[in-house]
Amino acid sequence: QVQLVESGGGLVQPGGSLRLSCAVSGIIFRFTNVAWYRHPPGKQRELVALITSSESTHYADSVKGRFTISRANAKNTVYLEMNSLKAEDTAVYYCSVQGYNDWGQGTQVTVTS
């Protein structure tokens, strides 16, 4: 079983920034592809960004140019740097290892003035 712990969410004004962290255990991390998802209120969960074991990255169109996904294999951690935040980025953010159906508790991001 893969364990995931998300952190770093909070309340931020439009245009602000946050950095989310996802600590992963229970798996050989450096071989994994890891994704960030978000679940906005009243909407379905959506893929935000993915980073592969070879550090290729993929982004949803809605966050391209604003969000950056990265990983630190020595720390078994994936990050999501979020800049120029908008109200529509408000959601609970989760990370997940591709191929596994394990989820963390998520971290709330609220963008409001």
Protein backbone atom coordinates (compact mmCIF):
# COMPACT_ATOMS: atom_id res chain seq x y z
CA GLN A 1 0.00 0.00 0.00
CA VAL A 2 1.25 3.44 -0.94
CA GLN A 3 1.00 6.20 1.65
CA LEU A 4 0.70 9.81 0.56
CA VAL A 5 0.68 12.94 2.71
CA GLU A 6 -0.14 16.27 1.10
CA SER A 7 0.66 19.60 2.74
CA GLY A 8 1.16 23.27 1.99
CA GLY A 9 -2.35 24.41 1.21
CA GLY A 10 -3.92 27.53 2.62
CA LEU A 11 -5.80 30.74 2.02
CA VAL A 12 -4.28 33.11 -0.54
CA GLN A 13 -5.35 36.18 -2.49
CA PRO A 14 -5.69 36.13 -6.29
CA GLY A 15 -2.28 36.50 -7.87
CA GLY A 16 -0.58 34.86 -4.91
CA SER A 17 1.52 31.72 -4.70
CA LEU A 18 1.62 28.46 -2.77
CA ARG A 19 3.88 25.43 -2.78
CA LEU A 20 2.32 22.05 -2.14
CA SER A 21 4.26 18.99 -1.04
CA CYS A 22 3.42 15.31 -1.39
CA ALA A 23 5.40 12.86 0.72
CA VAL A 24 5.26 9.31 -0.63
CA SER A 25 6.14 6.07 1.16
CA GLY A 26 5.56 2.35 0.73
CA ILE A 27 7.01 2.20 -2.78
CA ILE A 28 10.34 2.65 -4.58
CA PHE A 29 9.73 6.29 -5.26
CA ARG A 30 12.29 6.97 -7.96
CA PHE A 31 10.54 4.52 -10.33
CA THR A 32 7.12 6.14 -9.99
CA ASN A 33 5.07 8.59 -12.02
CA VAL A 34 3.24 10.93 -9.67
CA ALA A 35 0.33 13.23 -10.38
CA TRP A 36 -1.43 16.09 -8.66
CA TYR A 37 -5.20 16.19 -8.90
CA ARG A 38 -7.70 18.68 -7.57
CA HIS A 39 -11.35 18.48 -6.61
CA PRO A 40 -13.05 21.87 -6.90
CA PRO A 41 -16.29 22.41 -4.94
CA GLY A 42 -19.27 21.11 -6.87
CA LYS A 43 -17.13 19.71 -9.68
CA GLN A 44 -15.38 16.48 -10.57
CA ARG A 45 -11.81 15.70 -9.67
CA GLU A 46 -9.37 16.71 -12.41
CA LEU A 47 -5.75 16.07 -13.28
CA VAL A 48 -3.54 19.10 -12.68
CA ALA A 49 -0.01 17.91 -13.42
CA LEU A 50 2.07 14.76 -13.78
CA ILE A 51 5.77 14.07 -13.43
CA THR A 52 7.31 10.84 -14.67
CA SER A 53 10.20 8.89 -13.21
CA SER A 54 12.40 10.47 -15.90
CA GLU A 55 11.09 13.92 -14.88
CA SER A 56 8.98 14.57 -17.96
CA THR A 57 6.12 16.83 -17.01
CA HIS A 58 2.56 17.31 -18.25
CA TYR A 59 0.04 19.97 -17.27
CA ALA A 60 -3.64 20.66 -17.64
CA ASP A 61 -4.22 23.55 -20.02
CA SER A 62 -5.78 25.58 -17.22
CA VAL A 63 -2.53 25.67 -15.23
CA LYS A 64 0.15 25.74 -17.93
CA GLY A 65 2.59 28.56 -17.38
CA ARG A 66 1.42 29.09 -13.79
CA PHE A 67 2.07 25.76 -12.03
CA THR A 68 5.30 23.77 -11.89
CA ILE A 69 5.58 20.14 -10.76
CA SER A 70 8.91 18.81 -9.54
CA ARG A 71 10.28 15.95 -7.50
CA ALA A 72 13.05 15.26 -5.01
CA ASN A 73 13.81 11.55 -5.09
CA ALA A 74 16.12 11.80 -2.10
CA LYS A 75 13.14 13.01 -0.07
CA ASN A 76 10.44 10.83 -1.68
CA THR A 77 8.54 14.04 -2.31
CA VAL A 78 6.75 15.70 -5.21
CA TYR A 79 6.07 19.44 -5.21
CA LEU A 80 3.56 21.66 -6.95
CA GLU A 81 4.59 25.30 -7.19
CA MET A 82 1.48 27.38 -7.90
CA ASN A 83 1.82 30.99 -9.03
CA SER A 84 -0.64 33.62 -10.27
CA LEU A 85 -3.41 31.83 -8.44
CA LYS A 86 -6.99 32.43 -9.47
CA ALA A 87 -10.30 31.90 -7.70
CA GLU A 88 -10.96 28.92 -9.98
CA ASP A 89 -7.88 27.18 -8.54
CA THR A 90 -9.80 26.75 -5.27
CA ALA A 91 -9.99 23.03 -4.56
CA VAL A 92 -8.75 20.19 -2.42
CA TYR A 93 -5.47 19.05 -3.96
CA TYR A 94 -4.40 15.41 -3.88
CA CYS A 95 -1.39 13.51 -5.14
CA SER A 96 -1.41 9.99 -6.46
CA VAL A 97 1.07 7.46 -7.80
CA GLN A 98 0.15 6.35 -11.29
CA GLY A 99 -1.10 2.77 -11.33
CA TYR A 100 -2.14 2.75 -7.67
CA ASN A 101 -5.52 3.59 -6.18
CA ASP A 102 -4.19 5.13 -2.98
CA TRP A 103 -4.90 8.70 -1.95
CA GLY A 104 -3.86 11.01 0.83
CA GLN A 105 -6.12 13.26 2.85
CA GLY A 106 -5.58 16.17 0.47
CA THR A 107 -4.74 19.78 1.20
CA GLN A 108 -7.19 22.65 0.82
CA VAL A 109 -6.29 25.60 -1.40
CA THR A 110 -8.60 28.60 -1.23
CA VAL A 111 -8.04 31.61 -3.46
CA THR A 112 -10.15 34.58 -2.46
CA SER A 113 -9.92 38.31 -1.97
